[in-house]
Amino acid sequence: MQIVGGYPVYSELVHNIARRIRDTHDWDALLVLADALEEDGCENRVMLDHLREYAHNDESMYCWVVTQILERE
């Protein structure tokens, strides 16, 4: 993961996983996204912990981490 203009630039894999979560509401994939972010160099515990805590939460309709990733496409 690189920082450009003060914002992280995520890998294509991270973007693809985030898109799939947004489009399908496959909240179980939040765990996969957390792992991909870590492999990409993300050390933001708030983001990573949020993804791991909200995985398997069938009542969720929104994930701010997914939104933040996709805002910068």
Protein backbone atom coordinates (compact mmCIF):
# COMPACT_ATOMS: atom_id res chain seq x y z
CA MET A 1 0.00 0.00 0.00
CA GLN A 2 1.30 3.41 -0.95
CA ILE A 3 0.36 6.82 0.40
CA VAL A 4 -0.42 9.42 -2.27
CA GLY A 5 -1.63 12.88 -1.35
CA GLY A 6 -2.04 11.77 2.25
CA TYR A 7 -4.39 8.90 1.33
CA PRO A 8 -3.66 5.19 1.05
CA VAL A 9 -3.70 3.62 -2.40
CA TYR A 10 -4.94 0.05 -2.15
CA SER A 11 -4.18 -2.87 -4.46
CA GLU A 12 -6.52 -4.06 -7.18
CA LEU A 13 -7.26 -7.15 -5.07
CA VAL A 14 -8.44 -4.99 -2.15
CA HIS A 15 -10.68 -2.98 -4.50
CA ASN A 16 -12.13 -6.14 -6.06
CA ILE A 17 -12.98 -7.64 -2.66
CA ALA A 18 -14.52 -4.37 -1.48
CA ARG A 19 -16.64 -4.13 -4.66
CA ARG A 20 -17.87 -7.70 -4.18
CA ILE A 21 -18.85 -6.97 -0.58
CA ARG A 22 -20.68 -3.79 -1.62
CA ASP A 23 -22.50 -5.49 -4.48
CA THR A 24 -23.44 -8.76 -2.77
CA HIS A 25 -23.53 -7.82 0.94
CA ASP A 26 -21.34 -10.87 1.57
CA TRP A 27 -20.33 -9.77 5.06
CA ASP A 28 -18.32 -12.97 5.61
CA ALA A 29 -15.89 -11.58 3.03
CA LEU A 30 -15.00 -8.77 5.46
CA LEU A 31 -12.52 -11.23 6.97
CA VAL A 32 -10.95 -11.76 3.55
CA LEU A 33 -10.78 -7.98 3.07
CA ALA A 34 -9.05 -7.56 6.44
CA ASP A 35 -6.44 -10.15 5.47
CA ALA A 36 -5.91 -8.54 2.04
CA LEU A 37 -5.46 -5.12 3.64
CA GLU A 38 -2.88 -6.50 6.06
CA GLU A 39 -1.01 -8.18 3.20
CA ASP A 40 -1.15 -4.83 1.40
CA GLY A 41 0.61 -3.19 4.36
CA CYS A 42 -2.34 -1.70 6.22
CA GLU A 43 -1.60 -1.25 9.92
CA ASN A 44 -4.76 0.68 10.83
CA ARG A 45 -6.11 -1.32 13.78
CA VAL A 46 -9.41 0.58 13.77
CA MET A 47 -10.15 -0.51 10.20
CA LEU A 48 -8.91 -4.07 10.62
CA ASP A 49 -10.72 -4.60 13.92
CA HIS A 50 -13.95 -3.18 12.47
CA LEU A 51 -13.83 -5.62 9.56
CA ARG A 52 -13.21 -8.58 11.81
CA GLU A 53 -15.89 -7.58 14.33
CA TYR A 54 -18.62 -6.99 11.74
CA ALA A 55 -17.98 -10.09 9.67
CA HIS A 56 -20.88 -12.54 10.00
CA ASN A 57 -23.22 -9.70 11.01
CA ASP A 58 -26.23 -10.37 8.80
CA GLU A 59 -27.98 -7.21 9.97
CA SER A 60 -25.33 -4.89 8.50
CA MET A 61 -26.22 -2.93 5.41
CA TYR A 62 -23.18 -0.67 5.41
CA CYS A 63 -19.46 -0.86 6.10
CA TRP A 64 -17.55 2.40 6.35
CA VAL A 65 -14.25 0.68 5.50
CA VAL A 66 -15.63 -0.66 2.20
CA THR A 67 -17.05 2.79 1.41
CA GLN A 68 -13.74 4.47 2.20
CA ILE A 69 -11.80 2.08 -0.03
CA LEU A 70 -14.18 2.51 -2.97
CA GLU A 71 -14.38 6.31 -2.65
CA ARG A 72 -10.82 6.55 -3.89
CA GLU A 73 -11.16 4.38 -7.00
